[in-house]
N, C-alpha and C. Protein backbone atom coordinates (compact mmCIF):
# COMPACT_ATOMS: atom_id res chain seq x y z
N MET A 1 15.28 6.52 -13.96
CA MET A 1 14.07 5.96 -12.12
C MET A 1 13.83 4.82 -12.23
N PRO A 2 14.19 4.91 -10.96
CA PRO A 2 14.34 3.61 -10.15
C PRO A 2 12.74 2.73 -10.58
N ARG A 3 12.55 1.34 -9.48
CA ARG A 3 11.09 1.25 -10.56
C ARG A 3 10.67 0.07 -9.19
N TYR A 4 10.03 0.68 -8.56
CA TYR A 4 9.69 -0.02 -7.27
C TYR A 4 8.32 -1.01 -7.50
N TYR A 5 7.91 -2.30 -6.57
CA TYR A 5 7.07 -2.57 -6.40
C TYR A 5 5.96 -2.44 -5.12
N PHE A 6 4.65 -2.64 -5.47
CA PHE A 6 4.21 -2.80 -4.24
C PHE A 6 3.31 -4.63 -4.33
N ASN A 7 3.32 -5.04 -3.66
CA ASN A 7 2.75 -6.38 -3.00
C ASN A 7 1.82 -6.55 -1.81
N LEU A 8 0.77 -6.40 -1.77
CA LEU A 8 -0.37 -6.20 -1.51
C LEU A 8 -0.02 -7.80 -0.35
N TYR A 9 -0.08 -7.97 0.95
CA TYR A 9 -0.24 -8.96 1.28
C TYR A 9 -1.72 -9.11 2.53
N GLN A 10 -2.36 -10.09 3.33
CA GLN A 10 -2.33 -10.46 3.96
C GLN A 10 -2.29 -11.27 5.49
N GLY A 11 -1.61 -10.67 6.16
CA GLY A 11 -0.87 -11.26 6.81
C GLY A 11 0.21 -11.66 6.36
N LYS A 12 0.71 -13.11 6.53
CA LYS A 12 1.49 -13.84 5.56
C LYS A 12 1.56 -13.86 4.41
N GLN A 13 0.18 -13.91 3.96
CA GLN A 13 0.31 -14.42 2.80
C GLN A 13 -0.29 -13.65 1.15
N LEU A 14 0.13 -13.39 0.24
CA LEU A 14 0.26 -12.77 -0.68
C LEU A 14 -0.58 -12.27 -1.62
N ILE A 15 -1.24 -11.67 -1.15
CA ILE A 15 -3.07 -11.43 -2.37
C ILE A 15 -2.53 -11.56 -3.47
N SER A 16 -1.27 -9.99 -3.89
CA SER A 16 -0.80 -9.59 -5.42
C SER A 16 -0.06 -8.99 -5.45
N GLU A 17 0.52 -9.97 -6.61
CA GLU A 17 1.58 -9.30 -6.52
C GLU A 17 1.71 -8.73 -8.11
N ASP A 18 2.78 -7.86 -7.57
CA ASP A 18 2.93 -6.10 -8.44
C ASP A 18 4.28 -6.88 -9.30
N ASP A 19 3.47 -7.34 -11.25
CA ASP A 19 4.63 -7.93 -11.53
C ASP A 19 5.40 -6.37 -11.97
N ALA A 20 4.36 -5.95 -13.02
CA ALA A 20 4.59 -4.37 -13.23
C ALA A 20 5.23 -3.09 -12.86
N GLY A 21 4.98 -3.27 -11.28
CA GLY A 21 5.83 -2.21 -11.01
C GLY A 21 5.60 -0.76 -11.30
N TYR A 22 6.41 0.47 -10.82
CA TYR A 22 5.53 1.62 -11.06
C TYR A 22 7.52 2.62 -10.54
N ASP A 23 7.56 3.83 -11.26
CA ASP A 23 8.98 4.32 -12.02
C ASP A 23 8.91 5.32 -10.73
N CYS A 24 9.73 5.81 -9.77
CA CYS A 24 9.63 6.86 -8.58
C CYS A 24 10.55 6.83 -8.44
N PRO A 25 11.22 8.80 -8.16
CA PRO A 25 12.13 9.28 -8.40
C PRO A 25 13.48 8.61 -7.13
N SER A 26 13.04 8.25 -5.97
CA SER A 26 13.42 8.25 -4.69
C SER A 26 12.25 7.00 -3.77
N ASP A 27 12.73 6.24 -2.54
CA ASP A 27 12.60 5.85 -2.12
C ASP A 27 11.18 6.51 -1.51
N GLU A 28 11.31 7.59 -0.75
CA GLU A 28 10.45 8.50 -0.81
C GLU A 28 8.97 8.34 -0.76
N ALA A 29 9.12 9.08 -3.13
CA ALA A 29 8.18 8.95 -3.24
C ALA A 29 7.41 7.90 -4.00
N ALA A 30 8.65 6.16 -3.23
CA ALA A 30 7.78 5.34 -3.05
C ALA A 30 6.51 5.18 -2.63
N ARG A 31 7.32 5.63 -0.57
CA ARG A 31 6.96 5.83 -0.04
C ARG A 31 5.34 6.62 -0.40
N GLU A 32 5.29 7.96 -0.54
CA GLU A 32 3.86 8.60 -1.10
C GLU A 32 2.73 7.40 -1.62
N PHE A 33 3.65 6.75 -2.88
CA PHE A 33 2.25 6.06 -3.66
C PHE A 33 2.26 5.20 -3.00
N ALA A 34 3.05 4.51 -2.19
CA ALA A 34 2.48 3.40 -1.26
C ALA A 34 1.12 4.14 -0.53
N ARG A 35 1.26 5.93 0.51
CA ARG A 35 0.49 5.41 0.47
C ARG A 35 -0.83 6.41 0.10
N MET A 36 -0.70 6.71 -1.32
CA MET A 36 -1.72 6.91 -1.79
C MET A 36 -2.94 6.14 -2.36
N SER A 37 -2.08 4.14 -2.68
CA SER A 37 -2.84 3.33 -3.25
C SER A 37 -2.50 2.91 -1.70
N HIS A 38 -2.52 2.52 -0.94
CA HIS A 38 -3.21 2.10 0.35
C HIS A 38 -4.77 3.12 1.21
N GLY A 39 -4.52 4.04 0.61
CA GLY A 39 -6.09 5.26 0.91
C GLY A 39 -6.82 4.37 0.03
N PHE A 40 -7.07 4.02 -1.81
CA PHE A 40 -7.86 3.04 -2.56
C PHE A 40 -8.18 2.56 -2.34
N VAL A 41 -7.37 1.40 -1.25
CA VAL A 41 -7.21 -0.23 -1.23
C VAL A 41 -8.09 0.00 -0.57
N ALA A 42 -8.11 0.28 0.80
CA ALA A 42 -8.28 0.64 2.48
C ALA A 42 -10.18 1.10 1.55
N LEU A 43 -10.59 1.34 1.27
CA LEU A 43 -11.49 1.82 1.03
C LEU A 43 -13.08 1.43 0.65
N ASP A 44 -11.78 0.37 -0.38
CA ASP A 44 -12.64 -1.39 -0.95
C ASP A 44 -13.34 -2.37 -0.02
N PRO A 45 -14.68 -2.33 -0.24
CA PRO A 45 -15.15 -3.09 0.58
C PRO A 45 -14.57 -4.36 1.39
N ILE A 46 -13.95 -5.16 -0.15
CA ILE A 46 -13.49 -6.77 -0.55
C ILE A 46 -11.98 -6.44 0.83
N PHE A 47 -11.60 -5.22 1.63
CA PHE A 47 -11.06 -4.74 2.24
C PHE A 47 -11.30 -4.49 3.66
N SER A 48 -12.47 -4.63 3.87
CA SER A 48 -13.22 -4.24 5.04
C SER A 48 -13.21 -4.51 6.48
N SER A 49 -12.28 -6.18 6.02
CA SER A 49 -13.07 -7.26 7.35
C SER A 49 -11.73 -6.64 8.50
N PRO A 50 -12.37 -6.20 9.46
CA PRO A 50 -11.47 -5.03 10.86
C PRO A 50 -10.33 -6.59 11.36
N SER A 51 -10.08 -7.56 10.43
CA SER A 51 -8.98 -8.93 11.18
C SER A 51 -8.32 -9.38 9.32
N GLY A 52 -8.19 -8.55 8.73
CA GLY A 52 -7.22 -8.74 7.75
C GLY A 52 -5.75 -8.74 7.86
N SER A 53 -6.04 -7.55 8.70
CA SER A 53 -4.20 -6.94 8.26
C SER A 53 -3.23 -7.34 6.88
N TYR A 54 -3.85 -6.59 6.37
CA TYR A 54 -3.62 -6.35 5.00
C TYR A 54 -2.11 -5.54 5.41
N HIS A 55 -1.16 -5.00 4.52
CA HIS A 55 -0.05 -4.68 4.17
C HIS A 55 0.57 -4.59 2.75
N PHE A 56 1.03 -3.50 2.62
CA PHE A 56 2.31 -3.55 1.57
C PHE A 56 3.62 -4.37 1.94
N VAL A 57 4.16 -4.52 1.28
CA VAL A 57 5.50 -4.58 0.72
C VAL A 57 5.79 -4.25 0.07
N VAL A 58 6.59 -2.96 -0.08
CA VAL A 58 7.88 -2.10 -1.49
C VAL A 58 8.63 -2.68 -1.28
N LEU A 59 9.03 -3.07 -2.73
CA LEU A 59 10.62 -3.38 -3.07
C LEU A 59 10.98 -2.85 -3.88
N ASN A 60 12.51 -2.38 -4.30
CA ASN A 60 12.90 -2.29 -4.60
C ASN A 60 13.48 -2.86 -5.96
N GLU A 61 14.13 -2.16 -7.72
CA GLU A 61 13.88 -2.64 -8.90
C GLU A 61 14.68 -3.72 -8.38
N ASP A 62 15.86 -4.55 -7.33
CA ASP A 62 16.79 -5.74 -7.14
C ASP A 62 15.47 -6.53 -6.81
N ARG A 63 14.46 -6.11 -6.22
CA ARG A 63 13.44 -7.01 -5.42
C ARG A 63 13.87 -7.27 -3.96
N GLN A 64 14.33 -5.97 -3.52
CA GLN A 64 14.87 -6.31 -2.32
C GLN A 64 13.57 -5.68 -1.23
N SER A 65 13.71 -5.97 0.00
CA SER A 65 11.89 -5.01 0.42
C SER A 65 12.08 -3.95 1.04
N ILE A 66 11.81 -2.90 1.14
CA ILE A 66 13.04 -1.82 1.44
C ILE A 66 11.62 -1.34 2.52
N PHE A 67 10.02 -1.11 2.60
CA PHE A 67 9.23 -0.97 4.04
C PHE A 67 8.31 -2.10 3.84
N THR A 68 7.83 -1.73 4.82
CA THR A 68 5.85 -1.99 4.94
C THR A 68 5.39 -1.37 5.28
N MET A 69 3.92 -1.13 4.34
CA MET A 69 2.78 -0.36 5.46
C MET A 69 2.00 -0.66 5.30
N PRO A 70 1.19 -0.72 6.53
CA PRO A 70 -0.23 -1.11 7.12
C PRO A 70 -1.17 -0.53 6.13
N ILE A 71 -2.32 -1.29 6.12
CA ILE A 71 -3.54 -1.09 5.37
C ILE A 71 -4.75 -0.29 6.24
N SER A 72 -4.92 -0.07 6.66
CA SER A 72 -6.03 -0.17 8.29
C SER A 72 -7.65 0.67 7.46
N GLN A 73 -8.18 0.06 7.73
CA GLN A 73 -9.94 0.30 6.85
C GLN A 73 -10.32 1.37 7.17
N ARG A 74 -10.54 1.25 8.96
CA ARG A 74 -11.33 1.85 9.36
C ARG A 74 -10.91 3.48 9.42
N LEU A 75 -9.47 3.67 9.37
CA LEU A 75 -8.35 5.10 10.17
C LEU A 75 -8.92 5.87 8.83
N SER A 76 -8.34 5.30 7.13
CA SER A 76 -8.25 5.86 6.10
C SER A 76 -10.72 6.32 5.83
N SER A 77 -10.78 4.46 6.70
CA SER A 77 -12.53 5.40 5.69
C SER A 77 -12.93 6.65 6.84
N GLU A 78 -12.74 6.63 7.67
CA GLU A 78 -12.70 8.41 9.09
C GLU A 78 -11.94 9.43 8.47
N ALA A 79 -11.15 8.80 7.66
CA ALA A 79 -10.11 9.78 6.88
C ALA A 79 -11.38 10.61 5.66
N ALA A 80 -11.77 9.81 5.01
CA ALA A 80 -12.61 10.26 4.13
C ALA A 80 -13.71 10.96 4.62
N LEU A 81 -13.73 10.05 5.14
CA LEU A 81 -15.09 11.03 5.79
C LEU A 81 -15.41 12.37 6.50
N SER A 82 -13.97 12.80 6.97
CA SER A 82 -14.13 13.71 7.97
C SER A 82 -13.04 14.87 7.09
N GLY A 83 -12.63 14.31 5.49
CA GLY A 83 -12.15 15.28 4.56
C GLY A 83 -10.67 15.21 4.60
N VAL A 84 -10.38 14.02 5.33
CA VAL A 84 -9.07 14.81 6.17
C VAL A 84 -8.01 13.85 4.33
N PRO A 85 -7.11 14.47 3.69
CA PRO A 85 -6.38 14.02 3.16
C PRO A 85 -6.01 12.45 3.37
N LEU A 86 -5.95 11.54 2.36
CA LEU A 86 -5.80 10.16 2.61
C LEU A 86 -3.16 9.48 2.46
N LEU A 87 -3.36 11.22 2.39
CA LEU A 87 -1.73 10.96 1.74
C LEU A 87 -0.94 11.13 2.81
């Protein structure tokens, strides 16, 4: 099963490098994992700055970037308050 890495950035600055990675059966499964993680990260008060511009850069097992997922604290908070699933 392929391994994917989920690095967290604020703008161009690397905040957290995922050294362990996660096994996902496909790129789409990795995208779903990032969406789920997006919700947990976005609800963290540390990431509540409106000018934070946080995002995940997801790498495949060859450490090549396959997609970027922005993290919007406002949208995730609204979804949590309205009962809308974060996935």
